[in-house]
C-alpha atoms as a PDB file:
ATOM      1  CA  MET A   1     -10.013  -2.896  23.412  1.00  0.00           C
ATOM      2  CA  ASP A   2     -12.966  -3.688  25.635  1.00  0.00           C
ATOM      3  CA  ALA A   3     -16.402  -4.215  23.898  1.00  0.00           C
ATOM      4  CA  VAL A   4     -18.541  -1.446  24.964  1.00  0.00           C
ATOM      5  CA  ASP A   5     -22.179  -1.036  24.067  1.00  0.00           C
ATOM      6  CA  TYR A   6     -23.091   2.204  22.599  1.00  0.00           C
ATOM      7  CA  GLU A   7     -26.591   2.149  21.699  1.00  0.00           C
ATOM      8  CA  ASP A   8     -28.245   5.517  21.775  1.00  0.00           C
ATOM      9  CA  THR A   9     -31.877   6.619  21.689  1.00  0.00           C
ATOM     10  CA  PHE A  10     -32.382   6.066  18.174  1.00  0.00           C
ATOM     11  CA  GLY A  11     -31.611   2.266  18.690  1.00  0.00           C
ATOM     12  CA  PHE A  12     -28.241   2.435  16.945  1.00  0.00           C
ATOM     13  CA  GLU A  13     -25.557  -0.172  18.433  1.00  0.00           C
ATOM     14  CA  ASP A  14     -21.791   0.169  17.435  1.00  0.00           C
ATOM     15  CA  TYR A  15     -20.713  -3.277  16.823  1.00  0.00           C
ATOM     16  CA  PHE A  16     -17.282  -2.389  15.612  1.00  0.00           C
ATOM     17  CA  PRO A  17     -15.233  -2.622  19.143  1.00  0.00           C
ATOM     18  CA  SER A  18     -16.546  -6.178  19.649  1.00  0.00           C
ATOM     19  CA  MET A  19     -16.055  -7.132  16.221  1.00  0.00           C
ATOM     20  CA  ILE A  20     -12.420  -5.886  16.449  1.00  0.00           C
ATOM     21  CA  ASP A  21     -12.139  -7.812  19.993  1.00  0.00           C
ATOM     22  CA  THR A  22     -13.563 -11.003  18.485  1.00  0.00           C
ATOM     23  CA  LEU A  23     -11.805 -10.976  14.814  1.00  0.00           C
ATOM     24  CA  GLY A  24      -8.892  -8.974  15.522  1.00  0.00           C
ATOM     25  CA  VAL A  25      -7.685  -6.031  13.609  1.00  0.00           C
ATOM     26  CA  GLU A  26      -6.612  -7.703  10.472  1.00  0.00           C
ATOM     27  CA  MET A  27      -9.919  -9.861   9.902  1.00  0.00           C
ATOM     28  CA  PHE A  28     -11.882  -6.552  10.941  1.00  0.00           C
ATOM     29  CA  MET A  29     -10.248  -4.712   8.083  1.00  0.00           C
ATOM     30  CA  GLU A  30     -11.064  -7.556   5.786  1.00  0.00           C
ATOM     31  CA  GLU A  31     -14.586  -7.343   6.929  1.00  0.00           C
ATOM     32  CA  LEU A  32     -14.511  -3.852   6.405  1.00  0.00           C
ATOM     33  CA  TYR A  33     -13.354  -4.195   2.830  1.00  0.00           C
ATOM     34  CA  ASN A  34     -15.900  -6.768   2.191  1.00  0.00           C
ATOM     35  CA  GLY A  35     -18.542  -4.168   2.785  1.00  0.00           C
ATOM     36  CA  PHE A  36     -16.859  -1.870   0.539  1.00  0.00           C
ATOM     37  CA  CYS A  37     -16.932  -4.338  -2.307  1.00  0.00           C
ATOM     38  CA  LEU A  38     -20.839  -5.203  -1.577  1.00  0.00           C
ATOM     39  CA  LEU A  39     -21.544  -1.545  -2.292  1.00  0.00           C
ATOM     40  CA  MET A  40     -19.018  -0.447  -4.836  1.00  0.00           C
ATOM     41  CA  ASP A  41     -19.612  -0.268  -8.804  1.00  0.00           C
ATOM     42  CA  VAL A  42     -17.203  -2.904  -9.542  1.00  0.00           C
ATOM     43  CA  SER A  43     -16.386  -1.599 -13.144  1.00  0.00           C
ATOM     44  CA  ILE A  44     -15.004   1.766 -11.253  1.00  0.00           C
ATOM     45  CA  GLY A  45     -13.815   0.315  -7.894  1.00  0.00           C
ATOM     46  CA  LEU A  46     -15.707   3.221  -6.314  1.00  0.00           C
ATOM     47  CA  ILE A  47     -19.164   3.487  -4.317  1.00  0.00           C
ATOM     48  CA  THR A  48     -21.271   5.882  -6.589  1.00  0.00           C
ATOM     49  CA  PHE A  49     -24.753   6.967  -6.119  1.00  0.00           C
ATOM     50  CA  GLU A  50     -26.140   4.486  -8.169  1.00  0.00           C
ATOM     51  CA  SER A  51     -24.303   1.541  -6.769  1.00  0.00           C
ATOM     52  CA  LEU A  52     -25.050   2.298  -3.296  1.00  0.00           C
ATOM     53  CA  LYS A  53     -28.541   2.857  -4.381  1.00  0.00           C
ATOM     54  CA  ARG A  54     -28.765  -0.652  -6.306  1.00  0.00           C
ATOM     55  CA  ASN A  55     -27.047  -2.571  -3.775  1.00  0.00           C
ATOM     56  CA  THR A  56     -28.768  -1.250  -0.647  1.00  0.00           C
ATOM     57  CA  LEU A  57     -31.944  -2.371  -2.271  1.00  0.00           C
ATOM     58  CA  LEU A  58     -30.330  -5.771  -3.088  1.00  0.00           C
ATOM     59  CA  MET A  59     -29.420  -5.961   0.983  1.00  0.00           C
ATOM     60  CA  GLY A  60     -33.257  -4.853   1.876  1.00  0.00           C
ATOM     61  CA  LEU A  61     -32.627  -1.488   2.777  1.00  0.00           C
ATOM     62  CA  SER A  62     -35.209  -0.083   0.548  1.00  0.00           C
ATOM     63  CA  GLU A  63     -36.332   2.519   3.010  1.00  0.00           C
ATOM     64  CA  LEU A  64     -33.653   4.866   2.362  1.00  0.00           C
ATOM     65  CA  LYS A  65     -34.473   7.909   0.262  1.00  0.00           C
ATOM     66  CA  ASP A  66     -32.273   9.052  -2.423  1.00  0.00           C
ATOM     67  CA  ASP A  67     -31.557  12.276  -0.168  1.00  0.00           C
ATOM     68  CA  GLU A  68     -30.289  10.074   2.481  1.00  0.00           C
ATOM     69  CA  LEU A  69     -27.839   8.029   0.060  1.00  0.00           C
ATOM     70  CA  LEU A  70     -26.723  11.305  -1.197  1.00  0.00           C
ATOM     71  CA  CYS A  71     -25.759  12.407   2.067  1.00  0.00           C
ATOM     72  CA  MET A  72     -23.874   9.770   3.006  1.00  0.00           C
ATOM     73  CA  LEU A  73     -21.869   9.847  -0.290  1.00  0.00           C
ATOM     74  CA  ILE A  74     -21.255  13.570   0.710  1.00  0.00           C
ATOM     75  CA  GLU A  75     -20.503  12.504   4.258  1.00  0.00           C
ATOM     76  CA  GLY A  76     -17.557  10.495   2.810  1.00  0.00           C
ATOM     77  CA  ASP A  77     -16.487  11.982  -0.139  1.00  0.00           C
ATOM     78  CA  LEU A  78     -13.190  13.733   0.734  1.00  0.00           C
ATOM     79  CA  ASP A  79     -11.644  14.387  -2.468  1.00  0.00           C
ATOM     80  CA  GLY A  80     -15.141  16.045  -3.716  1.00  0.00           C
ATOM     81  CA  ASP A  81     -15.439  13.581  -6.932  1.00  0.00           C
ATOM     82  CA  GLY A  82     -18.828  12.318  -5.965  1.00  0.00           C
ATOM     83  CA  ALA A  83     -17.880   8.590  -5.059  1.00  0.00           C
ATOM     84  CA  LEU A  84     -15.890   6.903  -2.281  1.00  0.00           C
ATOM     85  CA  ASN A  85     -12.976   5.105  -2.496  1.00  0.00           C
ATOM     86  CA  GLN A  86     -11.747   2.348  -0.063  1.00  0.00           C
ATOM     87  CA  MET A  87      -9.841   4.820   1.945  1.00  0.00           C
ATOM     88  CA  GLU A  88     -12.976   7.279   2.161  1.00  0.00           C
ATOM     89  CA  PHE A  89     -15.247   4.200   2.824  1.00  0.00           C
ATOM     90  CA  CYS A  90     -13.086   3.197   5.875  1.00  0.00           C
ATOM     91  CA  SER A  91     -12.442   6.496   7.149  1.00  0.00           C
ATOM     92  CA  LEU A  92     -16.421   7.237   7.176  1.00  0.00           C
ATOM     93  CA  MET A  93     -17.246   4.079   8.837  1.00  0.00           C
ATOM     94  CA  PHE A  94     -14.539   4.908  11.717  1.00  0.00           C
ATOM     95  CA  ARG A  95     -15.700   8.503  12.178  1.00  0.00           C
ATOM     96  CA  LEU A  96     -19.416   7.147  12.528  1.00  0.00           C
ATOM     97  CA  SER A  97     -18.215   4.346  15.038  1.00  0.00           C
ATOM     98  CA  PRO A  98     -18.892   6.116  18.637  1.00  0.00           C
ATOM     99  CA  GLY A  99     -17.196   3.184  20.135  1.00  0.00           C
ATOM    100  CA  LEU A 100     -14.031   3.355  18.101  1.00  0.00           C
ATOM    101  CA  MET A 101     -13.887   7.300  18.849  1.00  0.00           C
ATOM    102  CA  MET A 102     -14.562   6.907  22.332  1.00  0.00           C
ATOM    103  CA  ASP A 103     -11.869   4.379  22.851  1.00  0.00           C
ATOM    104  CA  GLY A 104      -9.230   6.349  21.249  1.00  0.00           C
ATOM    105  CA  PHE A 105      -8.695   3.369  18.636  1.00  0.00           C
ATOM    106  CA  LYS A 106      -5.301   4.284  16.831  1.00  0.00           C
ATOM    107  CA  SER A 107      -5.772   4.339  13.419  1.00  0.00           C
ATOM    108  CA  ASN A 108      -1.973   3.548  12.729  1.00  0.00           C
ATOM    109  CA  ASP A 109      -3.224   0.036  13.767  1.00  0.00           C
ATOM    110  CA  LEU A 110      -5.361  -0.004  10.601  1.00  0.00           C
ATOM    111  CA  GLN A 111      -4.297  -0.515   7.178  1.00  0.00           C
ATOM    112  CA  VAL A 112      -6.333  -0.496   3.859  1.00  0.00           C
ATOM    113  CA  ILE A 113      -6.473  -3.927   1.896  1.00  0.00           C
ATOM    114  CA  SER A 114      -5.704  -3.706  -1.704  1.00  0.00           C
END
């Protein structure tokens, strides 16, 4: 997959394609899993509103408002339980990556790490 710059007018730059090129699929999926672990509530293994709010603050993202965090959860919550499991998180990250969507990255190349 060729690394392509997908910067939009809001300053968003999609690093996923270049990360896959650099790391390979397996290491990229491990990094995505690490991102999930950073945001999840370790006691239940899910990303909840509370864990997302707490961990984004710890990561220096204090400018995110509660309604923005809630929208993130709603966008990715496929089973309607109000939280994100690992599969929902990974699916959301891929849907939000214009580089992966435009390059037609094959989802069967990726596996959830457990």
